[in-house]
Protein backbone atom coordinates (compact mmCIF):
# COMPACT_ATOMS: atom_id res chain seq x y z
CA MET A 1 -6.12 -193.27 4.83
CA MET A 2 -7.32 -189.72 5.55
CA VAL A 3 -4.78 -187.21 6.77
CA THR A 4 -5.84 -184.19 8.82
CA PHE A 5 -3.62 -181.13 8.80
CA GLU A 6 -3.89 -178.50 11.56
CA GLY A 7 -1.73 -175.77 13.00
CA ARG A 8 -0.50 -176.25 16.54
CA PHE A 9 0.21 -173.47 19.00
CA THR A 10 2.74 -175.60 20.89
CA GLU A 11 5.19 -175.48 17.98
CA SER A 12 5.15 -171.70 17.53
CA SER A 13 8.50 -170.96 19.14
CA ALA A 14 10.33 -171.94 15.95
CA LEU A 15 8.41 -169.56 13.68
CA ARG A 16 9.97 -166.52 12.05
CA MET A 17 7.45 -163.70 11.70
CA ALA A 18 7.03 -160.14 10.47
CA ILE A 19 4.44 -157.51 11.27
CA VAL A 20 3.69 -154.74 8.81
CA ILE A 21 1.84 -151.91 10.50
CA ALA A 22 0.27 -148.68 9.24
CA ARG A 23 1.07 -145.42 11.02
CA PHE A 24 -2.18 -143.79 9.90
CA ASN A 25 -4.69 -144.05 12.78
CA ASP A 26 -1.78 -144.99 15.04
CA LEU A 27 -3.92 -144.53 18.12
CA VAL A 28 -5.66 -147.72 16.96
CA THR A 29 -2.80 -149.55 15.24
CA ASN A 30 -0.48 -149.19 18.23
CA LYS A 31 -3.10 -150.86 20.42
CA LEU A 32 -3.45 -153.66 17.85
CA LEU A 33 0.32 -154.08 17.87
CA MET A 34 0.40 -154.32 21.68
CA GLY A 35 -2.28 -157.04 21.65
CA CYS A 36 -0.45 -158.88 18.92
CA LEU A 37 2.91 -158.76 20.71
CA ASP A 38 1.34 -159.85 23.98
CA CYS A 39 -0.14 -162.94 22.34
CA LEU A 40 3.06 -163.81 20.50
CA GLN A 41 5.15 -163.46 23.64
CA ARG A 42 2.78 -165.65 25.66
CA HIS A 43 3.10 -168.31 22.96
CA GLY A 44 6.89 -168.41 23.02
CA ILE A 45 7.86 -165.87 20.34
CA ASP A 46 10.75 -163.58 21.29
CA THR A 47 9.32 -160.06 20.91
CA SER A 48 12.28 -158.20 22.42
CA ASP A 49 14.22 -155.54 20.50
CA LYS A 50 17.00 -158.13 20.01
CA SER A 51 14.61 -160.74 18.56
CA SER A 52 15.75 -162.84 15.64
CA GLN A 53 12.19 -164.24 15.36
CA LEU A 54 10.23 -161.07 14.73
CA ASP A 55 10.66 -158.00 12.54
CA ILE A 56 8.33 -155.02 12.39
CA ALA A 57 7.95 -152.68 9.43
CA TRP A 58 6.03 -149.42 9.64
CA VAL A 59 4.29 -148.00 6.57
CA PRO A 60 2.45 -144.69 6.15
CA GLY A 61 -1.03 -146.16 5.75
CA SER A 62 -3.06 -149.26 4.93
CA LEU A 63 -2.69 -148.70 1.18
CA GLU A 64 1.05 -149.30 1.55
CA LEU A 65 0.68 -152.56 3.46
CA PRO A 66 0.65 -154.89 0.38
CA LEU A 67 3.90 -153.63 -1.14
CA VAL A 68 5.99 -153.96 2.00
CA THR A 69 4.29 -157.25 2.89
CA GLN A 70 5.18 -158.57 -0.55
CA SER A 71 8.80 -157.44 -0.21
CA LEU A 72 9.14 -159.22 3.12
CA ALA A 73 7.33 -162.40 2.02
CA ARG A 74 9.51 -162.71 -1.07
CA THR A 75 12.69 -162.81 0.99
CA GLY A 76 11.84 -166.35 2.13
CA GLN A 77 12.84 -165.41 5.68
CA TYR A 78 9.35 -165.46 7.20
CA ASP A 79 6.91 -168.23 7.97
CA VAL A 80 4.05 -165.76 8.28
CA VAL A 81 3.39 -162.01 8.01
CA ILE A 82 0.77 -160.08 9.98
CA THR A 83 -0.64 -156.82 8.58
CA LEU A 84 -2.10 -154.27 10.95
CA GLY A 85 -4.07 -151.19 9.95
CA ALA A 86 -7.22 -149.20 10.65
CA VAL A 87 -9.39 -147.66 7.96
CA ILE A 88 -12.22 -145.57 9.36
CA ARG A 89 -15.08 -144.39 7.14
CA GLY A 90 -15.22 -140.67 6.49
CA ASP A 91 -17.37 -138.37 4.37
CA THR A 92 -15.67 -139.28 1.08
CA PRO A 93 -15.42 -142.49 -0.97
CA HIS A 94 -11.73 -142.76 -0.03
CA PHE A 95 -12.63 -145.44 2.54
CA GLU A 96 -13.89 -147.87 -0.12
CA VAL A 97 -10.81 -147.38 -2.30
CA VAL A 98 -8.35 -147.96 0.54
CA VAL A 99 -10.19 -150.97 1.93
CA ALA A 100 -10.61 -152.60 -1.47
CA GLU A 101 -7.00 -152.11 -2.58
CA ALA A 102 -5.46 -153.06 0.75
CA SER A 103 -7.50 -156.25 1.05
CA LYS A 104 -6.95 -157.32 -2.58
CA GLY A 105 -3.26 -156.53 -2.37
CA ILE A 106 -2.72 -158.41 0.88
CA ALA A 107 -4.62 -161.46 -0.38
CA THR A 108 -2.57 -161.42 -3.60
CA VAL A 109 0.70 -161.40 -1.67
CA SER A 110 -0.29 -164.53 0.21
CA ARG A 111 -1.37 -166.39 -2.92
CA ASP A 112 1.65 -165.29 -4.99
CA THR A 113 4.32 -166.04 -2.40
CA GLY A 114 2.81 -168.99 -0.53
CA VAL A 115 3.51 -167.18 2.73
CA PRO A 116 0.46 -166.83 4.98
CA VAL A 117 -0.48 -163.17 5.42
CA ILE A 118 -2.91 -162.32 8.18
CA PHE A 119 -5.34 -159.54 7.31
CA GLY A 120 -5.39 -157.43 10.47
CA VAL A 121 -6.89 -154.27 9.00
CA LEU A 122 -9.84 -152.93 10.91
CA THR A 123 -12.53 -151.42 8.70
CA THR A 124 -15.00 -149.47 10.80
CA ASP A 125 -17.53 -146.69 10.48
CA THR A 126 -16.30 -144.74 13.53
CA MET A 127 -13.21 -144.23 15.64
CA GLN A 128 -15.19 -145.58 18.61
CA GLN A 129 -15.76 -148.87 16.80
CA ALA A 130 -12.05 -149.08 15.92
CA LEU A 131 -11.02 -148.42 19.53
CA GLU A 132 -13.44 -151.07 20.78
CA ARG A 133 -11.83 -153.63 18.47
CA ALA A 134 -8.34 -152.52 19.45
CA GLY A 135 -8.69 -152.86 23.18
CA ILE A 136 -11.64 -151.16 24.84
CA LYS A 137 -13.78 -154.32 24.60
CA SER A 138 -11.31 -156.79 23.18
CA ASN A 139 -8.06 -156.49 21.25
CA LEU A 140 -8.22 -158.10 17.82
CA GLY A 141 -4.43 -157.82 17.67
CA TRP A 142 -4.40 -160.89 19.93
CA ASN A 143 -6.65 -162.76 17.46
CA TYR A 144 -4.47 -161.81 14.49
CA ALA A 145 -1.42 -163.16 16.31
CA LEU A 146 -3.23 -166.44 17.05
CA GLN A 147 -4.17 -166.77 13.38
CA ALA A 148 -0.55 -166.20 12.45
CA LEU A 149 0.69 -168.86 14.88
CA GLU A 150 -1.83 -171.36 13.58
CA MET A 151 -1.17 -170.64 9.89
CA GLY A 152 2.61 -170.63 10.31
CA SER A 153 2.45 -174.00 12.05
CA LEU A 154 -0.02 -175.39 9.52
CA MET A 155 2.14 -174.41 6.55
CA ARG A 156 5.17 -176.05 8.15
CA GLU A 157 3.11 -179.21 8.63
CA LEU A 158 1.97 -179.17 5.01
CA HIS A 159 5.53 -178.68 3.75
CA LYS A 160 6.69 -181.74 5.71
CA LYS A 161 4.32 -183.99 3.79
């Protein structure tokens, strides 16, 4: 008999989560964080300062996201980790280096620890594009939170079987 596994948003209130967020381009990352927290709160996650469900770690930039994400994931305390950052193309090849290393590092953390890590790093050509994705048109922080809720629930379901 075929078994179908899916994450459910109705079971999210039991999840323990972390958000790792880059300070660089904080005009954008703060907006992503607000969208993310709004979604989590509306789905039953305690996002207050006294929360035992959610921890937030700030890092200098997107290049530092993988290391702190790995440290948190390895503790075994979190069902899912969300990474938030914004890398905006400039006049130098620095953009390509940061994007490549951040994305590879974040993906590696998820595979190595078995903890779902949501890649919430915007990679845009302009600040305007980043701001549009962080709230002017829609806030992708909300989407990253939904992905986290679904993956956290899905992994719990898989571990039950």
